[in-house]
Amino acid sequence: CGLLTLSVFKGVVQVFQSALPVMLVMQMLGDREHVLGAVQSAGALIAAGLVYLVGRNTRPCHRLGVFGVALVIYAFGAGLNACWFAPWSVLFFVVCFLVSQPLAELAFSPIQLLVMDRAVRRDGSCGYAYLCGYEMGLYAGRLFGGGVFIGVALFFSGVLALRYVLIALALLQLVSLPVARAVV
């Protein structure tokens, strides 16, 4: 049940990985989309360096701390985006998003595998069933996150969705840290 809950929380933010940076930058910068490529490249380089350093210098006992830092980076970027919603805050959020997601994945994957291994040993069942349940939770989270975003954009405004739904979902994702702590 804990792994399923974690996968739902992960899916809530994962739904935005491909389209969100484009939507934000196009909303704020208009026809200067070349800036998106530069920002995504810079964010990817920063993320690659951080993932390498964190991966080399941490141990499995640090995975919850790394997970927490990744969630806080994402929430901080979303908070700045919600407060100012200016071109610089959008670009800063995109970098935070690009950095936090690989860090969260770096920490989350061992948690996921640890929980699945424990459950298979405890229940004597097939790990494939837990993996399918995990994927189902990811899709449920993606549906929820995307649904909230689309609902706010349709019934209120796209700017409101881009500005405030992201911080709401980031704060919701912070709830996954105590769940992860309980699971491990």
N, C-alpha and C. Protein backbone atom coordinates (compact mmCIF):
# COMPACT_ATOMS: atom_id res chain seq x y z
N CYS A 1 0.82 -1.19 0.00
CA CYS A 1 0.00 0.00 0.00
C CYS A 1 0.88 1.26 0.00
N GLY A 2 1.99 1.24 0.71
CA GLY A 2 2.88 2.39 0.77
C GLY A 2 3.54 2.65 -0.57
N LEU A 3 3.97 1.58 -1.26
CA LEU A 3 4.59 1.75 -2.57
C LEU A 3 3.58 2.30 -3.57
N LEU A 4 2.35 1.84 -3.49
CA LEU A 4 1.30 2.34 -4.37
C LEU A 4 1.05 3.83 -4.12
N THR A 5 1.02 4.22 -2.86
CA THR A 5 0.84 5.64 -2.52
C THR A 5 2.00 6.47 -3.05
N LEU A 6 3.22 5.97 -2.88
CA LEU A 6 4.39 6.69 -3.40
C LEU A 6 4.34 6.82 -4.92
N SER A 7 3.89 5.79 -5.59
CA SER A 7 3.82 5.87 -7.05
C SER A 7 2.78 6.87 -7.51
N VAL A 8 1.68 7.00 -6.77
CA VAL A 8 0.67 8.01 -7.11
C VAL A 8 1.27 9.41 -6.96
N PHE A 9 1.95 9.66 -5.85
CA PHE A 9 2.59 10.96 -5.64
C PHE A 9 3.63 11.26 -6.73
N LYS A 10 4.38 10.24 -7.11
CA LYS A 10 5.38 10.43 -8.16
C LYS A 10 4.71 10.75 -9.49
N GLY A 11 3.63 10.07 -9.79
CA GLY A 11 2.92 10.29 -11.05
C GLY A 11 2.30 11.66 -11.16
N VAL A 12 1.92 12.26 -10.02
CA VAL A 12 1.31 13.59 -10.02
C VAL A 12 2.23 14.60 -10.68
N VAL A 13 3.51 14.53 -10.42
CA VAL A 13 4.46 15.48 -11.00
C VAL A 13 5.03 14.96 -12.31
N GLN A 14 5.13 13.67 -12.45
CA GLN A 14 5.74 13.08 -13.64
C GLN A 14 4.96 13.41 -14.91
N VAL A 15 3.68 13.66 -14.78
CA VAL A 15 2.86 13.98 -15.95
C VAL A 15 3.33 15.26 -16.64
N PHE A 16 4.02 16.12 -15.94
CA PHE A 16 4.43 17.40 -16.49
C PHE A 16 5.84 17.40 -17.09
N GLN A 17 6.54 16.29 -17.06
CA GLN A 17 7.94 16.30 -17.45
C GLN A 17 8.21 16.77 -18.88
N SER A 18 7.38 16.40 -19.81
CA SER A 18 7.70 16.76 -21.19
C SER A 18 7.06 18.07 -21.63
N ALA A 19 5.81 18.31 -21.27
CA ALA A 19 5.09 19.47 -21.80
C ALA A 19 5.22 20.73 -20.96
N LEU A 20 5.41 20.58 -19.66
CA LEU A 20 5.39 21.74 -18.78
C LEU A 20 6.45 22.79 -19.10
N PRO A 21 7.71 22.43 -19.27
CA PRO A 21 8.69 23.48 -19.57
C PRO A 21 8.33 24.25 -20.85
N VAL A 22 7.84 23.54 -21.85
CA VAL A 22 7.46 24.21 -23.10
C VAL A 22 6.30 25.16 -22.87
N MET A 23 5.27 24.71 -22.14
CA MET A 23 4.11 25.57 -21.88
C MET A 23 4.51 26.82 -21.12
N LEU A 24 5.31 26.66 -20.10
CA LEU A 24 5.71 27.82 -19.29
C LEU A 24 6.54 28.82 -20.09
N VAL A 25 7.53 28.31 -20.79
CA VAL A 25 8.40 29.22 -21.53
C VAL A 25 7.64 29.89 -22.66
N MET A 26 6.79 29.17 -23.35
CA MET A 26 6.01 29.79 -24.43
C MET A 26 5.04 30.83 -23.88
N GLN A 27 4.48 30.57 -22.71
CA GLN A 27 3.57 31.54 -22.09
C GLN A 27 4.31 32.82 -21.72
N MET A 28 5.50 32.68 -21.17
CA MET A 28 6.21 33.85 -20.66
C MET A 28 7.12 34.53 -21.69
N LEU A 29 7.68 33.75 -22.61
CA LEU A 29 8.64 34.33 -23.53
C LEU A 29 8.14 34.41 -24.97
N GLY A 30 6.99 33.85 -25.24
CA GLY A 30 6.40 33.95 -26.58
C GLY A 30 7.24 33.27 -27.64
N ASP A 31 7.64 34.02 -28.64
CA ASP A 31 8.33 33.42 -29.78
C ASP A 31 9.83 33.25 -29.56
N ARG A 32 10.30 33.45 -28.38
CA ARG A 32 11.74 33.26 -28.09
C ARG A 32 11.97 31.87 -27.51
N GLU A 33 11.47 30.84 -28.22
CA GLU A 33 11.57 29.48 -27.70
C GLU A 33 12.99 28.94 -27.70
N HIS A 34 13.92 29.60 -28.37
CA HIS A 34 15.31 29.16 -28.33
C HIS A 34 15.85 29.22 -26.90
N VAL A 35 15.25 30.06 -26.08
CA VAL A 35 15.67 30.16 -24.69
C VAL A 35 15.38 28.84 -23.96
N LEU A 36 14.28 28.17 -24.33
CA LEU A 36 13.92 26.91 -23.70
C LEU A 36 15.03 25.88 -23.89
N GLY A 37 15.57 25.79 -25.10
CA GLY A 37 16.65 24.84 -25.36
C GLY A 37 17.87 25.12 -24.51
N ALA A 38 18.21 26.39 -24.39
CA ALA A 38 19.37 26.77 -23.58
C ALA A 38 19.13 26.46 -22.10
N VAL A 39 17.93 26.77 -21.62
CA VAL A 39 17.61 26.50 -20.22
C VAL A 39 17.57 25.00 -19.95
N GLN A 40 16.95 24.24 -20.85
CA GLN A 40 16.89 22.79 -20.65
C GLN A 40 18.29 22.17 -20.72
N SER A 41 19.13 22.67 -21.60
CA SER A 41 20.50 22.16 -21.67
C SER A 41 21.27 22.47 -20.40
N ALA A 42 21.14 23.70 -19.91
CA ALA A 42 21.82 24.08 -18.67
C ALA A 42 21.29 23.25 -17.50
N GLY A 43 19.97 23.10 -17.43
CA GLY A 43 19.38 22.29 -16.36
C GLY A 43 19.82 20.84 -16.43
N ALA A 44 19.91 20.30 -17.64
CA ALA A 44 20.35 18.91 -17.80
C ALA A 44 21.81 18.74 -17.39
N LEU A 45 22.65 19.71 -17.71
CA LEU A 45 24.06 19.64 -17.30
C LEU A 45 24.19 19.73 -15.78
N ILE A 46 23.44 20.63 -15.17
CA ILE A 46 23.46 20.75 -13.71
C ILE A 46 22.97 19.45 -13.08
N ALA A 47 21.86 18.92 -13.62
CA ALA A 47 21.29 17.67 -13.08
C ALA A 47 22.27 16.51 -13.23
N ALA A 48 22.91 16.42 -14.38
CA ALA A 48 23.87 15.33 -14.60
C ALA A 48 25.02 15.41 -13.61
N GLY A 49 25.54 16.61 -13.42
CA GLY A 49 26.62 16.78 -12.45
C GLY A 49 26.19 16.44 -11.03
N LEU A 50 25.00 16.91 -10.65
CA LEU A 50 24.50 16.63 -9.30
C LEU A 50 24.22 15.14 -9.10
N VAL A 51 23.61 14.51 -10.09
CA VAL A 51 23.31 13.08 -9.96
C VAL A 51 24.60 12.29 -9.83
N TYR A 52 25.61 12.66 -10.61
CA TYR A 52 26.90 11.98 -10.50
C TYR A 52 27.50 12.17 -9.11
N LEU A 53 27.55 13.42 -8.65
CA LEU A 53 28.14 13.70 -7.33
C LEU A 53 27.36 13.03 -6.21
N VAL A 54 26.06 13.13 -6.27
CA VAL A 54 25.23 12.53 -5.22
C VAL A 54 25.34 11.01 -5.26
N GLY A 55 25.31 10.45 -6.46
CA GLY A 55 25.44 8.99 -6.60
C GLY A 55 26.76 8.46 -6.10
N ARG A 56 27.83 9.21 -6.32
CA ARG A 56 29.16 8.78 -5.89
C ARG A 56 29.39 8.97 -4.39
N ASN A 57 28.72 9.96 -3.80
CA ASN A 57 29.05 10.33 -2.43
C ASN A 57 27.97 9.99 -1.40
N THR A 58 26.95 9.30 -1.80
CA THR A 58 25.93 8.90 -0.83
C THR A 58 25.84 7.39 -0.77
N ARG A 59 25.21 6.95 0.29
CA ARG A 59 25.01 5.51 0.51
C ARG A 59 23.52 5.24 0.56
N PRO A 60 23.12 4.00 0.57
CA PRO A 60 21.68 3.70 0.63
C PRO A 60 20.97 4.32 1.85
N CYS A 61 21.69 4.52 2.92
CA CYS A 61 21.07 5.13 4.10
C CYS A 61 20.72 6.60 3.88
N HIS A 62 21.26 7.20 2.83
CA HIS A 62 21.00 8.61 2.54
C HIS A 62 19.86 8.83 1.55
N ARG A 63 19.23 7.76 1.05
CA ARG A 63 18.26 7.91 -0.03
C ARG A 63 17.05 8.75 0.38
N LEU A 64 16.61 8.66 1.62
CA LEU A 64 15.47 9.48 2.05
C LEU A 64 15.86 10.96 2.10
N GLY A 65 17.07 11.25 2.51
CA GLY A 65 17.53 12.63 2.52
C GLY A 65 17.63 13.20 1.11
N VAL A 66 18.15 12.41 0.18
CA VAL A 66 18.25 12.85 -1.22
C VAL A 66 16.84 13.06 -1.79
N PHE A 67 15.94 12.16 -1.46
CA PHE A 67 14.54 12.26 -1.92
C PHE A 67 13.92 13.55 -1.37
N GLY A 68 14.14 13.82 -0.10
CA GLY A 68 13.60 15.04 0.51
C GLY A 68 14.16 16.30 -0.11
N VAL A 69 15.47 16.30 -0.38
CA VAL A 69 16.09 17.48 -1.01
C VAL A 69 15.51 17.69 -2.40
N ALA A 70 15.32 16.63 -3.15
CA ALA A 70 14.74 16.75 -4.50
C ALA A 70 13.33 17.33 -4.44
N LEU A 71 12.54 16.87 -3.48
CA LEU A 71 11.17 17.39 -3.36
C LEU A 71 11.17 18.85 -2.94
N VAL A 72 12.09 19.23 -2.07
CA VAL A 72 12.18 20.63 -1.63
C VAL A 72 12.65 21.53 -2.77
N ILE A 73 13.59 21.07 -3.59
CA ILE A 73 14.04 21.86 -4.74
C ILE A 73 12.87 22.13 -5.68
N TYR A 74 12.09 21.09 -5.95
CA TYR A 74 10.93 21.25 -6.83
C TYR A 74 9.91 22.21 -6.23
N ALA A 75 9.62 22.04 -4.95
CA ALA A 75 8.63 22.92 -4.29
C ALA A 75 9.13 24.36 -4.24
N PHE A 76 10.42 24.55 -4.01
CA PHE A 76 10.99 25.90 -3.98
C PHE A 76 10.84 26.58 -5.34
N GLY A 77 11.19 25.87 -6.40
CA GLY A 77 11.05 26.42 -7.74
C GLY A 77 9.60 26.72 -8.09
N ALA A 78 8.70 25.81 -7.71
CA ALA A 78 7.27 26.04 -7.97
C ALA A 78 6.75 27.21 -7.15
N GLY A 79 7.27 27.38 -5.93
CA GLY A 79 6.85 28.49 -5.08
C GLY A 79 7.28 29.83 -5.66
N LEU A 80 8.52 29.89 -6.14
CA LEU A 80 8.98 31.13 -6.78
C LEU A 80 8.17 31.43 -8.03
N ASN A 81 7.87 30.40 -8.79
CA ASN A 81 7.06 30.57 -9.99
C ASN A 81 5.68 31.10 -9.63
N ALA A 82 5.08 30.57 -8.58
CA ALA A 82 3.74 31.01 -8.17
C ALA A 82 3.77 32.45 -7.64
N CYS A 83 4.81 32.81 -6.91
CA CYS A 83 4.88 34.15 -6.33
C CYS A 83 5.09 35.23 -7.37
N TRP A 84 6.04 35.02 -8.28
CA TRP A 84 6.40 36.10 -9.20
C TRP A 84 5.85 35.89 -10.61
N PHE A 85 5.84 34.69 -11.11
CA PHE A 85 5.39 34.35 -12.47
C PHE A 85 5.92 35.35 -13.49
N ALA A 86 7.21 35.51 -13.46
CA ALA A 86 7.92 36.38 -14.39
C ALA A 86 8.86 35.49 -15.22
N PRO A 87 9.38 36.00 -16.31
CA PRO A 87 10.27 35.16 -17.12
C PRO A 87 11.43 34.55 -16.34
N TRP A 88 12.05 35.31 -15.45
CA TRP A 88 13.18 34.76 -14.68
C TRP A 88 12.73 33.66 -13.73
N SER A 89 11.53 33.82 -13.11
CA SER A 89 11.06 32.79 -12.17
C SER A 89 10.63 31.53 -12.91
N VAL A 90 10.10 31.69 -14.10
CA VAL A 90 9.73 30.52 -14.90
C VAL A 90 10.98 29.75 -15.30
N LEU A 91 12.00 30.46 -15.73
CA LEU A 91 13.25 29.79 -16.12
C LEU A 91 13.91 29.13 -14.92
N PHE A 92 13.85 29.79 -13.77
CA PHE A 92 14.40 29.19 -12.54
C PHE A 92 13.61 27.93 -12.17
N PHE A 93 12.29 27.99 -12.30
CA PHE A 93 11.47 26.81 -12.01
C PHE A 93 11.81 25.66 -12.95
N VAL A 94 12.00 25.94 -14.22
CA VAL A 94 12.33 24.89 -15.18
C VAL A 94 13.65 24.22 -14.79
N VAL A 95 14.63 25.01 -14.39
CA VAL A 95 15.91 24.44 -13.94
C VAL A 95 15.70 23.60 -12.68
N CYS A 96 14.93 24.12 -11.72
CA CYS A 96 14.64 23.34 -10.50
C CYS A 96 13.93 22.03 -10.84
N PHE A 97 12.99 22.10 -11.75
CA PHE A 97 12.26 20.91 -12.19
C PHE A 97 13.20 19.90 -12.82
N LEU A 98 14.08 20.39 -13.71
CA LEU A 98 15.01 19.50 -14.40
C LEU A 98 16.05 18.90 -13.46
N VAL A 99 16.37 19.59 -12.38
CA VAL A 99 17.33 19.08 -11.40
C VAL A 99 16.65 18.13 -10.42
N SER A 100 15.46 18.48 -9.98
CA SER A 100 14.80 17.70 -8.92
C SER A 100 14.33 16.33 -9.40
N GLN A 101 13.87 16.23 -10.63
CA GLN A 101 13.32 14.96 -11.09
C GLN A 101 14.36 13.84 -11.15
N PRO A 102 15.55 14.05 -11.73
CA PRO A 102 16.56 12.97 -11.69
C PRO A 102 17.04 12.65 -10.28
N LEU A 103 17.16 13.68 -9.42
CA LEU A 103 17.56 13.41 -8.04
C LEU A 103 16.51 12.57 -7.32
N ALA A 104 15.24 12.91 -7.54
CA ALA A 104 14.17 12.13 -6.92
C ALA A 104 14.18 10.69 -7.44
N GLU A 105 14.42 10.53 -8.72
CA GLU A 105 14.47 9.19 -9.31
C GLU A 105 15.65 8.40 -8.77
N LEU A 106 16.79 9.07 -8.60
CA LEU A 106 17.97 8.43 -8.04
C LEU A 106 17.69 7.86 -6.65
N ALA A 107 16.94 8.58 -5.86
CA ALA A 107 16.62 8.14 -4.51
C ALA A 107 15.41 7.21 -4.48
N PHE A 108 14.47 7.42 -5.39
CA PHE A 108 13.22 6.67 -5.34
C PHE A 108 13.37 5.24 -5.84
N SER A 109 14.18 5.03 -6.85
CA SER A 109 14.33 3.68 -7.41
C SER A 109 14.81 2.65 -6.39
N PRO A 110 15.84 2.95 -5.58
CA PRO A 110 16.22 1.97 -4.56
C PRO A 110 15.12 1.72 -3.52
N ILE A 111 14.37 2.77 -3.19
CA ILE A 111 13.25 2.59 -2.26
C ILE A 111 12.23 1.64 -2.86
N GLN A 112 11.90 1.87 -4.12
CA GLN A 112 10.93 1.02 -4.82
C GLN A 112 11.40 -0.43 -4.86
N LEU A 113 12.65 -0.64 -5.23
CA LEU A 113 13.16 -2.01 -5.33
C LEU A 113 13.26 -2.67 -3.96
N LEU A 114 13.63 -1.93 -2.94
CA LEU A 114 13.70 -2.47 -1.59
C LEU A 114 12.33 -2.92 -1.11
N VAL A 115 11.33 -2.10 -1.31
CA VAL A 115 9.97 -2.45 -0.89
C VAL A 115 9.47 -3.66 -1.65
N MET A 116 9.74 -3.70 -2.94
CA MET A 116 9.29 -4.85 -3.74
C MET A 116 10.00 -6.13 -3.30
N ASP A 117 11.29 -6.07 -3.05
CA ASP A 117 12.03 -7.25 -2.59
C ASP A 117 11.50 -7.75 -1.25
N ARG A 118 11.24 -6.83 -0.33
CA ARG A 118 10.70 -7.22 0.98
C ARG A 118 9.33 -7.85 0.84
N ALA A 119 8.49 -7.28 0.00
CA ALA A 119 7.13 -7.80 -0.17
C ALA A 119 7.14 -9.18 -0.82
N VAL A 120 8.02 -9.39 -1.79
CA VAL A 120 8.11 -10.70 -2.45
C VAL A 120 8.59 -11.75 -1.46
N ARG A 121 9.61 -11.41 -0.65
CA ARG A 121 10.10 -12.36 0.35
C ARG A 121 9.05 -12.65 1.41
N ARG A 122 8.33 -11.61 1.84
CA ARG A 122 7.32 -11.77 2.89
C ARG A 122 6.13 -12.58 2.40
N ASP A 123 5.63 -12.25 1.22
CA ASP A 123 4.42 -12.90 0.72
C ASP A 123 4.69 -14.14 -0.11
N GLY A 124 5.91 -14.28 -0.60
CA GLY A 124 6.23 -15.40 -1.46
C GLY A 124 5.54 -15.30 -2.81
N SER A 125 5.21 -14.11 -3.22
CA SER A 125 4.51 -13.93 -4.50
C SER A 125 5.47 -13.41 -5.55
N CYS A 126 4.93 -13.11 -6.69
CA CYS A 126 5.72 -12.65 -7.83
C CYS A 126 5.93 -11.14 -7.76
N GLY A 127 7.14 -10.69 -8.01
CA GLY A 127 7.45 -9.26 -8.02
C GLY A 127 6.76 -8.53 -9.15
N TYR A 128 6.38 -9.26 -10.18
CA TYR A 128 5.72 -8.65 -11.31
C TYR A 128 4.39 -8.00 -10.89
N ALA A 129 3.68 -8.62 -9.97
CA ALA A 129 2.41 -8.06 -9.49
C ALA A 129 2.63 -6.72 -8.79
N TYR A 130 3.69 -6.62 -8.03
CA TYR A 130 3.99 -5.35 -7.36
C TYR A 130 4.41 -4.29 -8.37
N LEU A 131 5.15 -4.69 -9.40
CA LEU A 131 5.54 -3.75 -10.44
C LEU A 131 4.32 -3.25 -11.21
N CYS A 132 3.38 -4.14 -11.49
CA CYS A 132 2.14 -3.72 -12.16
C CYS A 132 1.33 -2.77 -11.28
N GLY A 133 1.28 -3.04 -10.00
CA GLY A 133 0.58 -2.14 -9.08
C GLY A 133 1.27 -0.79 -9.01
N TYR A 134 2.58 -0.80 -9.04
CA TYR A 134 3.34 0.46 -9.05
C TYR A 134 3.02 1.27 -10.30
N GLU A 135 3.01 0.63 -11.44
CA GLU A 135 2.69 1.33 -12.70
C GLU A 135 1.26 1.85 -12.67
N MET A 136 0.35 1.10 -12.10
CA MET A 136 -1.03 1.55 -11.99
C MET A 136 -1.10 2.82 -11.13
N GLY A 137 -0.33 2.85 -10.06
CA GLY A 137 -0.29 4.05 -9.22
C GLY A 137 0.29 5.24 -9.96
N LEU A 138 1.33 5.01 -10.77
CA LEU A 138 1.90 6.10 -11.57
C LEU A 138 0.85 6.68 -12.51
N TYR A 139 0.11 5.81 -13.18
CA TYR A 139 -0.92 6.30 -14.11
C TYR A 139 -2.05 7.01 -13.37
N ALA A 140 -2.40 6.54 -12.20
CA ALA A 140 -3.43 7.22 -11.42
C ALA A 140 -2.96 8.61 -11.01
N GLY A 141 -1.70 8.73 -10.60
CA GLY A 141 -1.13 10.03 -10.25
C GLY A 141 -1.06 10.96 -11.44
N ARG A 142 -0.65 10.42 -12.59
CA ARG A 142 -0.61 11.24 -13.81
C ARG A 142 -2.00 11.73 -14.18
N LEU A 143 -2.97 10.86 -14.06
CA LEU A 143 -4.36 11.24 -14.35
C LEU A 143 -4.83 12.34 -13.41
N PHE A 144 -4.53 12.19 -12.13
CA PHE A 144 -4.93 13.20 -11.16
C PHE A 144 -4.24 14.54 -11.42
N GLY A 145 -2.91 14.52 -11.55
CA GLY A 145 -2.15 15.75 -11.77
C GLY A 145 -2.56 16.44 -13.06
N GLY A 146 -2.65 15.68 -14.14
CA GLY A 146 -3.06 16.25 -15.42
C GLY A 146 -4.50 16.72 -15.38
N GLY A 147 -5.35 15.97 -14.70
CA GLY A 147 -6.77 16.35 -14.60
C GLY A 147 -6.96 17.65 -13.83
N VAL A 148 -6.23 17.80 -12.73
CA VAL A 148 -6.31 19.05 -11.96
C VAL A 148 -5.83 20.22 -12.82
N PHE A 149 -4.72 20.03 -13.50
CA PHE A 149 -4.17 21.09 -14.34
C PHE A 149 -5.15 21.47 -15.45
N ILE A 150 -5.66 20.49 -16.16
CA ILE A 150 -6.60 20.76 -17.25
C ILE A 150 -7.89 21.36 -16.72
N GLY A 151 -8.38 20.86 -15.60
CA GLY A 151 -9.61 21.41 -15.01
C GLY A 151 -9.47 22.88 -14.65
N VAL A 152 -8.37 23.23 -14.01
CA VAL A 152 -8.15 24.64 -13.65
C VAL A 152 -7.99 25.47 -14.92
N ALA A 153 -7.26 24.95 -15.91
CA ALA A 153 -7.06 25.70 -17.15
C ALA A 153 -8.37 25.91 -17.90
N LEU A 154 -9.24 24.90 -17.91
CA LEU A 154 -10.51 25.02 -18.63
C LEU A 154 -11.53 25.89 -17.90
N PHE A 155 -11.65 25.68 -16.60
CA PHE A 155 -12.71 26.37 -15.86
C PHE A 155 -12.29 27.74 -15.31
N PHE A 156 -11.00 27.99 -15.22
CA PHE A 156 -10.54 29.28 -14.71
C PHE A 156 -9.67 29.95 -15.78
N SER A 157 -8.39 29.63 -15.80
CA SER A 157 -7.52 30.16 -16.86
C SER A 157 -6.23 29.35 -16.94
N GLY A 158 -5.62 29.38 -18.11
CA GLY A 158 -4.36 28.68 -18.30
C GLY A 158 -3.24 29.28 -17.49
N VAL A 159 -3.26 30.59 -17.34
CA VAL A 159 -2.23 31.26 -16.54
C VAL A 159 -2.35 30.85 -15.08
N LEU A 160 -3.59 30.77 -14.59
CA LEU A 160 -3.81 30.34 -13.21
C LEU A 160 -3.29 28.92 -13.01
N ALA A 161 -3.54 28.06 -13.98
CA ALA A 161 -3.05 26.67 -13.89
C ALA A 161 -1.53 26.63 -13.89
N LEU A 162 -0.91 27.38 -14.79
CA LEU A 162 0.55 27.38 -14.86
C LEU A 162 1.18 27.99 -13.61
N ARG A 163 0.46 28.90 -13.00
CA ARG A 163 1.03 29.60 -11.85
C ARG A 163 0.81 28.86 -10.53
N TYR A 164 -0.40 28.39 -10.27
CA TYR A 164 -0.72 27.89 -8.94
C TYR A 164 -0.90 26.38 -8.82
N VAL A 165 -1.28 25.71 -9.88
CA VAL A 165 -1.46 24.25 -9.77
C VAL A 165 -0.13 23.58 -9.49
N LEU A 166 0.93 24.11 -10.05
CA LEU A 166 2.25 23.50 -9.86
C LEU A 166 2.69 23.54 -8.41
N ILE A 167 2.47 24.64 -7.74
CA ILE A 167 2.85 24.72 -6.32
C ILE A 167 1.94 23.83 -5.48
N ALA A 168 0.67 23.77 -5.82
CA ALA A 168 -0.24 22.89 -5.07
C ALA A 168 0.18 21.43 -5.20
N LEU A 169 0.53 21.02 -6.41
CA LEU A 169 0.96 19.63 -6.61
C LEU A 169 2.34 19.38 -6.00
N ALA A 170 3.20 20.39 -5.99
CA ALA A 170 4.51 20.24 -5.35
C ALA A 170 4.35 20.05 -3.84
N LEU A 171 3.45 20.83 -3.24
CA LEU A 171 3.20 20.67 -1.81
C LEU A 171 2.56 19.32 -1.51
N LEU A 172 1.69 18.88 -2.40
CA LEU A 172 1.10 17.55 -2.25
C LEU A 172 2.17 16.48 -2.34
N GLN A 173 3.11 16.67 -3.24
CA GLN A 173 4.19 15.68 -3.38
C GLN A 173 5.09 15.64 -2.15
N LEU A 174 5.22 16.74 -1.44
CA LEU A 174 6.01 16.73 -0.20
C LEU A 174 5.45 15.76 0.84
N VAL A 175 4.16 15.46 0.74
CA VAL A 175 3.54 14.49 1.64
C VAL A 175 4.12 13.11 1.44
N SER A 176 4.70 12.86 0.26
CA SER A 176 5.25 11.53 0.00
C SER A 176 6.51 11.24 0.82
N LEU A 177 7.16 12.26 1.36
CA LEU A 177 8.35 12.02 2.17
C LEU A 177 8.04 11.23 3.44
N PRO A 178 7.03 11.60 4.24
CA PRO A 178 6.70 10.76 5.40
C PRO A 178 6.23 9.36 5.00
N VAL A 179 5.56 9.25 3.85
CA VAL A 179 5.14 7.93 3.37
C VAL A 179 6.37 7.09 3.04
N ALA A 180 7.35 7.69 2.36
CA ALA A 180 8.58 6.97 2.04
C ALA A 180 9.33 6.57 3.30
N ARG A 181 9.33 7.45 4.27
CA ARG A 181 10.00 7.16 5.55
C ARG A 181 9.32 5.97 6.24
N ALA A 182 8.00 5.91 6.17
CA ALA A 182 7.27 4.80 6.79
C ALA A 182 7.47 3.49 6.04
N VAL A 183 7.64 3.57 4.73
CA VAL A 183 7.80 2.37 3.90
C VAL A 183 9.16 1.74 4.10
N VAL A 184 10.19 2.59 4.21
CA VAL A 184 11.56 2.09 4.34
C VAL A 184 11.76 1.72 5.78
